[in-house]
C-alpha cells in the first residue's frame, strides 16, 4: 500500500468530512440530518484497503453534494445497512454499474479553492479569509461532539 496514496485519500476524506459537517445545517429535516450523520460515521470507519478508501471518498463526494443541496437523495436518504461492507454498496452510487464499475470519474474532494455555495450561502468566513483557502483547517481533526475552535496569534514587528 502506497503511503503517499493512502495519506492523500485520508486527507481528501477528512476535507470532505469537514465540508459536510459545516453544511449540515442546510438540511432542515432533523431526521435527514441524523441520517447524514449516520452516513458520516459509517464512512469514517468503513475503509481499510486502498480500494475501499477510494470508494469511501466517492460516497463522501456524493454526500457533500447532497448536503450542499439540502436534501438527501438515494442512497443517502436511508441510513447505511449495519454490518454491510462498502464494496457491497458500490452499486448504490450514481454512475456505478451492477459490477461495481464507476461509469464516471467524480472528483474525490471539493478543493479548498472551489467556491462552495450551499443554500445560498458562501463558504464560511474563516475559510474565505484564510491565506491558504482553508487548507490548514481542513486537515485538522474535527470532533464528533462539541465545538471546533481555532485560535491564531500573529505578531508584527513595530514600524
C-alpha atoms as a PDB file:
ATOM      1  CA  UNK A   1       0.000   0.000   0.000  1.00  0.00           C
ATOM      2  CA  UNK A   2       1.498   3.303  -1.077  1.00  0.00           C
ATOM      3  CA  UNK A   3       1.800   5.563   1.956  1.00  0.00           C
ATOM      4  CA  UNK A   4       1.538   8.692  -0.180  1.00  0.00           C
ATOM      5  CA  UNK A   5      -1.667   7.499  -1.863  1.00  0.00           C
ATOM      6  CA  UNK A   6      -3.115   6.384   1.472  1.00  0.00           C
ATOM      7  CA  UNK A   7      -2.329   9.753   3.070  1.00  0.00           C
ATOM      8  CA  UNK A   8      -3.845  11.582   0.104  1.00  0.00           C
ATOM      9  CA  UNK A   9      -7.055   9.548   0.330  1.00  0.00           C
ATOM     10  CA  UNK A  10      -7.290  10.185   4.072  1.00  0.00           C
ATOM     11  CA  UNK A  11      -6.727  13.911   3.531  1.00  0.00           C
ATOM     12  CA  UNK A  12      -9.448  14.061   0.866  1.00  0.00           C
ATOM     13  CA  UNK A  13     -11.872  12.222   3.131  1.00  0.00           C
ATOM     14  CA  UNK A  14     -11.128  14.498   6.093  1.00  0.00           C
ATOM     15  CA  UNK A  15     -11.581  17.593   3.966  1.00  0.00           C
ATOM     16  CA  UNK A  16     -14.953  16.425   2.652  1.00  0.00           C
ATOM     17  CA  UNK A  17     -15.886  15.429   6.202  1.00  0.00           C
ATOM     18  CA  UNK A  18     -15.178  18.994   7.304  1.00  0.00           C
ATOM     19  CA  UNK A  19     -17.318  20.385   4.481  1.00  0.00           C
ATOM     20  CA  UNK A  20     -20.257  18.086   5.274  1.00  0.00           C
ATOM     21  CA  UNK A  21     -20.131  18.944   8.971  1.00  0.00           C
ATOM     22  CA  UNK A  22     -20.011  22.641   8.132  1.00  0.00           C
ATOM     23  CA  UNK A  23     -23.003  22.413   5.805  1.00  0.00           C
ATOM     24  CA  UNK A  24     -25.205  20.054   7.875  1.00  0.00           C
ATOM     25  CA  UNK A  25     -27.486  22.945   8.933  1.00  0.00           C
ATOM     26  CA  UNK A  26     -28.534  23.183   5.248  1.00  0.00           C
ATOM     27  CA  UNK A  27     -30.599  20.052   5.849  1.00  0.00           C
ATOM     28  CA  UNK A  28     -33.747  21.357   7.513  1.00  0.00           C
ATOM     29  CA  UNK A  29     -35.315  17.957   8.265  1.00  0.00           C
ATOM     30  CA  UNK A  30     -33.877  16.690  11.568  1.00  0.00           C
ATOM     31  CA  UNK A  31     -34.317  13.017  10.603  1.00  0.00           C
ATOM     32  CA  UNK A  32     -32.444  13.594   7.336  1.00  0.00           C
ATOM     33  CA  UNK A  33     -29.700  15.373   9.249  1.00  0.00           C
ATOM     34  CA  UNK A  34     -29.411  12.382  11.607  1.00  0.00           C
ATOM     35  CA  UNK A  35     -29.268  10.060   8.590  1.00  0.00           C
ATOM     36  CA  UNK A  36     -26.424  12.142   7.132  1.00  0.00           C
ATOM     37  CA  UNK A  37     -24.551  11.887  10.449  1.00  0.00           C
ATOM     38  CA  UNK A  38     -25.021   8.094  10.396  1.00  0.00           C
ATOM     39  CA  UNK A  39     -23.532   8.035   6.903  1.00  0.00           C
ATOM     40  CA  UNK A  40     -20.580  10.108   8.124  1.00  0.00           C
ATOM     41  CA  UNK A  41     -19.929   7.694  10.981  1.00  0.00           C
ATOM     42  CA  UNK A  42     -20.208   4.743   8.623  1.00  0.00           C
ATOM     43  CA  UNK A  43     -17.865   6.279   6.053  1.00  0.00           C
ATOM     44  CA  UNK A  44     -15.297   7.199   8.706  1.00  0.00           C
ATOM     45  CA  UNK A  45     -14.977   3.583   9.865  1.00  0.00           C
ATOM     46  CA  UNK A  46     -15.601   1.512   6.746  1.00  0.00           C
ATOM     47  CA  UNK A  47     -12.343   1.707   4.761  1.00  0.00           C
ATOM     48  CA  UNK A  48      -9.280  -0.471   5.303  1.00  0.00           C
ATOM     49  CA  UNK A  49      -7.882  -1.075   1.823  1.00  0.00           C
ATOM     50  CA  UNK A  50      -6.972   1.427  -0.900  1.00  0.00           C
ATOM     51  CA  UNK A  51      -9.980   0.340  -2.998  1.00  0.00           C
ATOM     52  CA  UNK A  52     -12.311   0.808  -0.022  1.00  0.00           C
ATOM     53  CA  UNK A  53     -10.759   4.218   0.674  1.00  0.00           C
ATOM     54  CA  UNK A  54     -11.324   5.290  -2.935  1.00  0.00           C
ATOM     55  CA  UNK A  55     -14.916   4.072  -2.760  1.00  0.00           C
ATOM     56  CA  UNK A  56     -15.402   5.814   0.593  1.00  0.00           C
ATOM     57  CA  UNK A  57     -14.220   9.071  -0.982  1.00  0.00           C
ATOM     58  CA  UNK A  58     -16.684   8.583  -3.852  1.00  0.00           C
ATOM     59  CA  UNK A  59     -19.504   8.131  -1.317  1.00  0.00           C
ATOM     60  CA  UNK A  60     -18.239  11.150   0.624  1.00  0.00           C
ATOM     61  CA  UNK A  61     -18.197  13.276  -2.554  1.00  0.00           C
ATOM     62  CA  UNK A  62     -21.832  12.481  -3.306  1.00  0.00           C
ATOM     63  CA  UNK A  63     -22.783  13.047   0.325  1.00  0.00           C
ATOM     64  CA  UNK A  64     -21.197  16.524   0.102  1.00  0.00           C
ATOM     65  CA  UNK A  65     -23.333  17.272  -2.963  1.00  0.00           C
ATOM     66  CA  UNK A  66     -26.497  16.075  -1.204  1.00  0.00           C
ATOM     67  CA  UNK A  67     -25.850  18.084   1.940  1.00  0.00           C
ATOM     68  CA  UNK A  68     -24.911  21.110  -0.149  1.00  0.00           C
ATOM     69  CA  UNK A  69     -28.323  20.929  -1.865  1.00  0.00           C
ATOM     70  CA  UNK A  70     -30.076  20.491   1.489  1.00  0.00           C
ATOM     71  CA  UNK A  71     -31.886  17.276   0.504  1.00  0.00           C
ATOM     72  CA  UNK A  72     -30.754  13.678   0.696  1.00  0.00           C
ATOM     73  CA  UNK A  73     -31.130  11.527  -2.401  1.00  0.00           C
ATOM     74  CA  UNK A  74     -30.528   7.779  -2.690  1.00  0.00           C
ATOM     75  CA  UNK A  75     -28.571   6.108  -1.251  1.00  0.00           C
ATOM     76  CA  UNK A  76     -28.239   8.768   1.458  1.00  0.00           C
ATOM     77  CA  UNK A  77     -31.978   9.103   2.102  1.00  0.00           C
ATOM     78  CA  UNK A  78     -31.808   5.937   4.248  1.00  0.00           C
ATOM     79  CA  UNK A  79     -29.196   5.027   6.876  1.00  0.00           C
ATOM     80  CA  UNK A  80     -26.427   2.639   5.764  1.00  0.00           C
ATOM     81  CA  UNK A  81     -27.117  -1.010   6.473  1.00  0.00           C
ATOM     82  CA  UNK A  82     -25.379  -2.044   9.707  1.00  0.00           C
ATOM     83  CA  UNK A  83     -22.553  -4.504   9.166  1.00  0.00           C
ATOM     84  CA  UNK A  84     -22.558  -4.147   5.393  1.00  0.00           C
ATOM     85  CA  UNK A  85     -19.300  -3.580   3.565  1.00  0.00           C
ATOM     86  CA  UNK A  86     -18.777  -0.513   1.455  1.00  0.00           C
ATOM     87  CA  UNK A  87     -17.832  -2.688  -1.534  1.00  0.00           C
ATOM     88  CA  UNK A  88     -21.238  -4.395  -1.393  1.00  0.00           C
ATOM     89  CA  UNK A  89     -22.934  -0.979  -1.613  1.00  0.00           C
ATOM     90  CA  UNK A  90     -20.836   0.338  -4.516  1.00  0.00           C
ATOM     91  CA  UNK A  91     -23.699  -0.120  -6.981  1.00  0.00           C
ATOM     92  CA  UNK A  92     -25.759   2.407  -4.973  1.00  0.00           C
ATOM     93  CA  UNK A  93     -23.551   5.282  -6.118  1.00  0.00           C
ATOM     94  CA  UNK A  94     -24.766   7.355  -9.062  1.00  0.00           C
ATOM     95  CA  UNK A  95     -22.954   6.309 -12.233  1.00  0.00           C
ATOM     96  CA  UNK A  96     -21.889   2.890 -10.915  1.00  0.00           C
ATOM     97  CA  UNK A  97     -22.992  -0.220 -12.740  1.00  0.00           C
ATOM     98  CA  UNK A  98     -24.006  -3.535 -11.176  1.00  0.00           C
ATOM     99  CA  UNK A  99     -20.449  -4.849 -11.359  1.00  0.00           C
ATOM    100  CA  UNK A 100     -19.235  -2.008  -9.159  1.00  0.00           C
ATOM    101  CA  UNK A 101     -17.502  -0.241 -12.058  1.00  0.00           C
ATOM    102  CA  UNK A 102     -17.828   3.516 -11.984  1.00  0.00           C
ATOM    103  CA  UNK A 103     -19.048   4.891 -15.316  1.00  0.00           C
ATOM    104  CA  UNK A 104     -17.997   8.407 -14.395  1.00  0.00           C
ATOM    105  CA  UNK A 105     -14.984   9.786 -12.555  1.00  0.00           C
ATOM    106  CA  UNK A 106     -16.104  12.316  -9.937  1.00  0.00           C
ATOM    107  CA  UNK A 107     -13.523  14.456  -8.175  1.00  0.00           C
ATOM    108  CA  UNK A 108     -12.637  12.860  -4.846  1.00  0.00           C
ATOM    109  CA  UNK A 109     -12.767  16.093  -2.901  1.00  0.00           C
ATOM    110  CA  UNK A 110     -14.117  19.580  -3.081  1.00  0.00           C
ATOM    111  CA  UNK A 111     -10.889  21.589  -3.287  1.00  0.00           C
ATOM    112  CA  UNK A 112     -10.250  24.430  -0.870  1.00  0.00           C
ATOM    113  CA  UNK A 113     -10.145  26.966  -3.718  1.00  0.00           C
ATOM    114  CA  UNK A 114     -13.584  25.935  -5.001  1.00  0.00           C
ATOM    115  CA  UNK A 115     -16.420  28.309  -4.284  1.00  0.00           C
ATOM    116  CA  UNK A 116     -18.805  26.098  -2.376  1.00  0.00           C
ATOM    117  CA  UNK A 117     -22.217  27.685  -2.296  1.00  0.00           C
ATOM    118  CA  UNK A 118     -24.776  25.881  -0.197  1.00  0.00           C
ATOM    119  CA  UNK A 119     -28.295  27.037   0.442  1.00  0.00           C
ATOM    120  CA  UNK A 120     -27.431  30.459  -0.940  1.00  0.00           C
ATOM    121  CA  UNK A 121     -24.541  30.940   1.493  1.00  0.00           C
ATOM    122  CA  UNK A 122     -20.895  31.154   0.539  1.00  0.00           C
ATOM    123  CA  UNK A 123     -18.047  29.295   2.210  1.00  0.00           C
ATOM    124  CA  UNK A 124     -17.533  30.137   5.854  1.00  0.00           C
ATOM    125  CA  UNK A 125     -15.846  33.418   6.681  1.00  0.00           C
ATOM    126  CA  UNK A 126     -12.791  31.734   8.185  1.00  0.00           C
ATOM    127  CA  UNK A 127     -12.276  29.623   5.063  1.00  0.00           C
ATOM    128  CA  UNK A 128     -12.512  32.660   2.772  1.00  0.00           C
ATOM    129  CA  UNK A 129     -10.145  34.805   4.846  1.00  0.00           C
ATOM    130  CA  UNK A 130      -7.570  32.100   5.422  1.00  0.00           C
ATOM    131  CA  UNK A 131      -4.375  32.737   3.397  1.00  0.00           C
ATOM    132  CA  UNK A 132      -4.300  29.105   2.261  1.00  0.00           C
ATOM    133  CA  UNK A 133      -8.016  28.967   1.423  1.00  0.00           C
ATOM    134  CA  UNK A 134      -8.736  26.830   4.486  1.00  0.00           C
ATOM    135  CA  UNK A 135      -6.341  24.000   3.614  1.00  0.00           C
ATOM    136  CA  UNK A 136      -4.772  24.020   7.091  1.00  0.00           C
ATOM    137  CA  UNK A 137      -8.146  23.970   8.824  1.00  0.00           C
ATOM    138  CA  UNK A 138      -9.377  21.176   6.604  1.00  0.00           C
ATOM    139  CA  UNK A 139      -6.502  18.957   7.666  1.00  0.00           C
ATOM    140  CA  UNK A 140      -7.303  19.346  11.375  1.00  0.00           C
ATOM    141  CA  UNK A 141      -9.343  16.752  13.258  1.00  0.00           C
ATOM    142  CA  UNK A 142     -12.985  17.636  13.761  1.00  0.00           C
ATOM    143  CA  UNK A 143     -14.757  16.416  16.903  1.00  0.00           C
ATOM    144  CA  UNK A 144     -17.927  14.345  16.572  1.00  0.00           C
ATOM    145  CA  UNK A 145     -19.392  16.127  19.576  1.00  0.00           C
ATOM    146  CA  UNK A 146     -18.547  19.549  20.914  1.00  0.00           C
ATOM    147  CA  UNK A 147     -17.009  22.608  19.387  1.00  0.00           C
ATOM    148  CA  UNK A 148     -14.238  23.289  16.931  1.00  0.00           C
ATOM    149  CA  UNK A 149     -12.133  26.263  17.899  1.00  0.00           C
ATOM    150  CA  UNK A 150      -9.239  27.810  16.030  1.00  0.00           C
ATOM    151  CA  UNK A 151      -7.044  30.499  17.527  1.00  0.00           C
ATOM    152  CA  UNK A 152      -4.278  32.291  15.710  1.00  0.00           C
ATOM    153  CA  UNK A 153      -1.787  34.718  17.179  1.00  0.00           C
ATOM    154  CA  UNK A 154       0.289  36.820  14.828  1.00  0.00           C
ATOM    155  CA  UNK A 155       2.859  39.365  15.828  1.00  0.00           C
ATOM    156  CA  UNK A 156       4.183  42.195  13.723  1.00  0.00           C
ATOM    157  CA  UNK A 157       7.418  43.984  14.184  1.00  0.00           C
ATOM    158  CA  UNK A 158       6.945  47.626  15.226  1.00  0.00           C
ATOM    159  CA  UNK A 159       7.410  50.079  12.384  1.00  0.00           C
END
